[in-house]
Amino acid sequence: MFVIGNLVSALAQLVNATLTIYTWVLIIRVLISWVSPDPFNPVVQFLQRATDPVLEPLRRLIPSIGFLDITPIVALLLLQAIQHFLVRTLVDLSLRLR
């Protein structure tokens, strides 16, 4: 059973790394949006394509406060909660399988 435990532990590390990278992508998009980037820049287009699937549903649910868009903050909080819950659950499961 230790092999399955190690597999689940590796999966937990992969999920943790993926969610951490996505968190940084979201933070970079927010920072770049403050400087009015060129919409035709490939980096800007990548950031938009990578983060819009998370931000757009939140924008439909959360109204903007004047000119302030708080959906990235909500998205970051949700990502952190999911990351903490999912990674800890996978780590605990891997420990029980050993």
C-alpha atoms as a PDB file:
ATOM      1  CA  MET A   1       0.000   0.000   0.000  1.00  0.00           C
ATOM      2  CA  PHE A   2       2.991   2.315   0.404  1.00  0.00           C
ATOM      3  CA  VAL A   3       3.209   2.634  -3.386  1.00  0.00           C
ATOM      4  CA  ILE A   4      -0.317   4.040  -3.563  1.00  0.00           C
ATOM      5  CA  GLY A   5       0.498   6.319  -0.622  1.00  0.00           C
ATOM      6  CA  ASN A   6       3.552   7.628  -2.456  1.00  0.00           C
ATOM      7  CA  LEU A   7       1.477   8.138  -5.596  1.00  0.00           C
ATOM      8  CA  VAL A   8      -1.113  10.160  -3.670  1.00  0.00           C
ATOM      9  CA  SER A   9       1.698  12.151  -2.024  1.00  0.00           C
ATOM     10  CA  ALA A  10       3.162  12.960  -5.454  1.00  0.00           C
ATOM     11  CA  LEU A  11      -0.306  13.990  -6.630  1.00  0.00           C
ATOM     12  CA  ALA A  12      -0.603  16.319  -3.627  1.00  0.00           C
ATOM     13  CA  GLN A  13       2.710  17.950  -4.521  1.00  0.00           C
ATOM     14  CA  LEU A  14       1.641  18.325  -8.152  1.00  0.00           C
ATOM     15  CA  VAL A  15      -1.684  19.902  -7.177  1.00  0.00           C
ATOM     16  CA  ASN A  16       0.101  22.226  -4.751  1.00  0.00           C
ATOM     17  CA  ALA A  17       2.615  23.359  -7.386  1.00  0.00           C
ATOM     18  CA  THR A  18      -0.086  23.832 -10.034  1.00  0.00           C
ATOM     19  CA  LEU A  19      -2.285  25.938  -7.772  1.00  0.00           C
ATOM     20  CA  THR A  20       0.703  27.990  -6.614  1.00  0.00           C
ATOM     21  CA  ILE A  21       1.698  28.733 -10.215  1.00  0.00           C
ATOM     22  CA  TYR A  22      -1.893  29.655 -11.086  1.00  0.00           C
ATOM     23  CA  THR A  23      -2.014  31.977  -8.072  1.00  0.00           C
ATOM     24  CA  TRP A  24       1.096  33.765  -9.346  1.00  0.00           C
ATOM     25  CA  VAL A  25      -0.378  33.999 -12.864  1.00  0.00           C
ATOM     26  CA  LEU A  26      -3.455  35.646 -11.387  1.00  0.00           C
ATOM     27  CA  ILE A  27      -1.345  38.066  -9.330  1.00  0.00           C
ATOM     28  CA  ILE A  28       0.723  38.971 -12.409  1.00  0.00           C
ATOM     29  CA  ARG A  29      -2.443  39.656 -14.381  1.00  0.00           C
ATOM     30  CA  VAL A  30      -3.686  41.990 -11.663  1.00  0.00           C
ATOM     31  CA  LEU A  31      -0.362  43.834 -11.513  1.00  0.00           C
ATOM     32  CA  ILE A  32      -0.170  44.187 -15.296  1.00  0.00           C
ATOM     33  CA  SER A  33      -3.735  45.499 -15.445  1.00  0.00           C
ATOM     34  CA  TRP A  34      -2.670  48.517 -13.371  1.00  0.00           C
ATOM     35  CA  VAL A  35      -0.384  49.800 -16.146  1.00  0.00           C
ATOM     36  CA  SER A  36      -2.821  49.607 -19.090  1.00  0.00           C
ATOM     37  CA  PRO A  37      -1.069  46.903 -21.121  1.00  0.00           C
ATOM     38  CA  ASP A  38      -1.158  46.445 -24.879  1.00  0.00           C
ATOM     39  CA  PRO A  39      -4.044  44.006 -25.524  1.00  0.00           C
ATOM     40  CA  PHE A  40      -2.193  42.526 -28.512  1.00  0.00           C
ATOM     41  CA  ASN A  41       0.851  41.558 -26.465  1.00  0.00           C
ATOM     42  CA  PRO A  42       1.117  37.734 -26.382  1.00  0.00           C
ATOM     43  CA  VAL A  43       1.902  37.711 -22.660  1.00  0.00           C
ATOM     44  CA  VAL A  44      -1.186  39.782 -21.887  1.00  0.00           C
ATOM     45  CA  GLN A  45      -3.307  37.556 -24.108  1.00  0.00           C
ATOM     46  CA  PHE A  46      -1.973  34.438 -22.364  1.00  0.00           C
ATOM     47  CA  LEU A  47      -2.714  35.912 -18.929  1.00  0.00           C
ATOM     48  CA  GLN A  48      -6.250  36.780 -19.995  1.00  0.00           C
ATOM     49  CA  ARG A  49      -6.897  33.342 -21.516  1.00  0.00           C
ATOM     50  CA  ALA A  50      -5.481  31.630 -18.427  1.00  0.00           C
ATOM     51  CA  THR A  51      -7.409  33.634 -15.835  1.00  0.00           C
ATOM     52  CA  ASP A  52     -10.694  34.518 -17.534  1.00  0.00           C
ATOM     53  CA  PRO A  53     -12.269  31.072 -16.922  1.00  0.00           C
ATOM     54  CA  VAL A  54     -11.986  31.751 -13.184  1.00  0.00           C
ATOM     55  CA  LEU A  55     -12.668  35.482 -13.149  1.00  0.00           C
ATOM     56  CA  GLU A  56     -15.635  35.696 -15.538  1.00  0.00           C
ATOM     57  CA  PRO A  57     -18.052  33.553 -13.458  1.00  0.00           C
ATOM     58  CA  LEU A  58     -17.052  35.538 -10.374  1.00  0.00           C
ATOM     59  CA  ARG A  59     -17.690  38.820 -12.213  1.00  0.00           C
ATOM     60  CA  ARG A  60     -21.238  37.671 -12.943  1.00  0.00           C
ATOM     61  CA  LEU A  61     -21.787  36.922  -9.244  1.00  0.00           C
ATOM     62  CA  ILE A  62     -19.962  39.852  -7.631  1.00  0.00           C
ATOM     63  CA  PRO A  63     -20.861  43.380  -8.673  1.00  0.00           C
ATOM     64  CA  SER A  64     -17.992  45.817  -9.147  1.00  0.00           C
ATOM     65  CA  ILE A  65     -17.578  48.563  -6.579  1.00  0.00           C
ATOM     66  CA  GLY A  66     -17.360  51.638  -8.765  1.00  0.00           C
ATOM     67  CA  PHE A  67     -14.167  51.274 -10.776  1.00  0.00           C
ATOM     68  CA  LEU A  68     -12.759  48.649  -8.401  1.00  0.00           C
ATOM     69  CA  ASP A  69     -12.934  45.004  -9.484  1.00  0.00           C
ATOM     70  CA  ILE A  70     -12.614  42.777  -6.414  1.00  0.00           C
ATOM     71  CA  THR A  71     -13.050  39.476  -8.243  1.00  0.00           C
ATOM     72  CA  PRO A  72      -9.286  38.759  -8.343  1.00  0.00           C
ATOM     73  CA  ILE A  73      -9.176  39.076  -4.553  1.00  0.00           C
ATOM     74  CA  VAL A  74     -12.096  36.679  -4.197  1.00  0.00           C
ATOM     75  CA  ALA A  75     -10.481  34.318  -6.722  1.00  0.00           C
ATOM     76  CA  LEU A  76      -7.197  34.362  -4.792  1.00  0.00           C
ATOM     77  CA  LEU A  77      -8.998  33.623  -1.521  1.00  0.00           C
ATOM     78  CA  LEU A  78     -10.919  30.764  -3.127  1.00  0.00           C
ATOM     79  CA  LEU A  79      -7.729  29.360  -4.666  1.00  0.00           C
ATOM     80  CA  GLN A  80      -5.976  29.462  -1.311  1.00  0.00           C
ATOM     81  CA  ALA A  81      -8.896  27.727   0.401  1.00  0.00           C
ATOM     82  CA  ILE A  82      -9.079  25.034  -2.282  1.00  0.00           C
ATOM     83  CA  GLN A  83      -5.320  24.591  -2.194  1.00  0.00           C
ATOM     84  CA  HIS A  84      -5.219  24.238   1.571  1.00  0.00           C
ATOM     85  CA  PHE A  85      -8.160  21.818   1.685  1.00  0.00           C
ATOM     86  CA  LEU A  86      -7.216  19.672  -1.292  1.00  0.00           C
ATOM     87  CA  VAL A  87      -3.494  19.394  -0.605  1.00  0.00           C
ATOM     88  CA  ARG A  88      -3.970  18.673   3.105  1.00  0.00           C
ATOM     89  CA  THR A  89      -6.595  16.047   2.279  1.00  0.00           C
ATOM     90  CA  LEU A  90      -4.311  14.338  -0.222  1.00  0.00           C
ATOM     91  CA  VAL A  91      -1.344  14.445   2.182  1.00  0.00           C
ATOM     92  CA  ASP A  92      -3.446  12.962   5.003  1.00  0.00           C
ATOM     93  CA  LEU A  93      -4.748  10.276   2.655  1.00  0.00           C
ATOM     94  CA  SER A  94      -1.221   9.406   1.546  1.00  0.00           C
ATOM     95  CA  LEU A  95      -0.111   9.076   5.171  1.00  0.00           C
ATOM     96  CA  ARG A  96      -3.000   6.732   5.957  1.00  0.00           C
ATOM     97  CA  LEU A  97      -2.155   4.565   2.951  1.00  0.00           C
ATOM     98  CA  ARG A  98       1.428   3.979   4.084  1.00  0.00           C
END
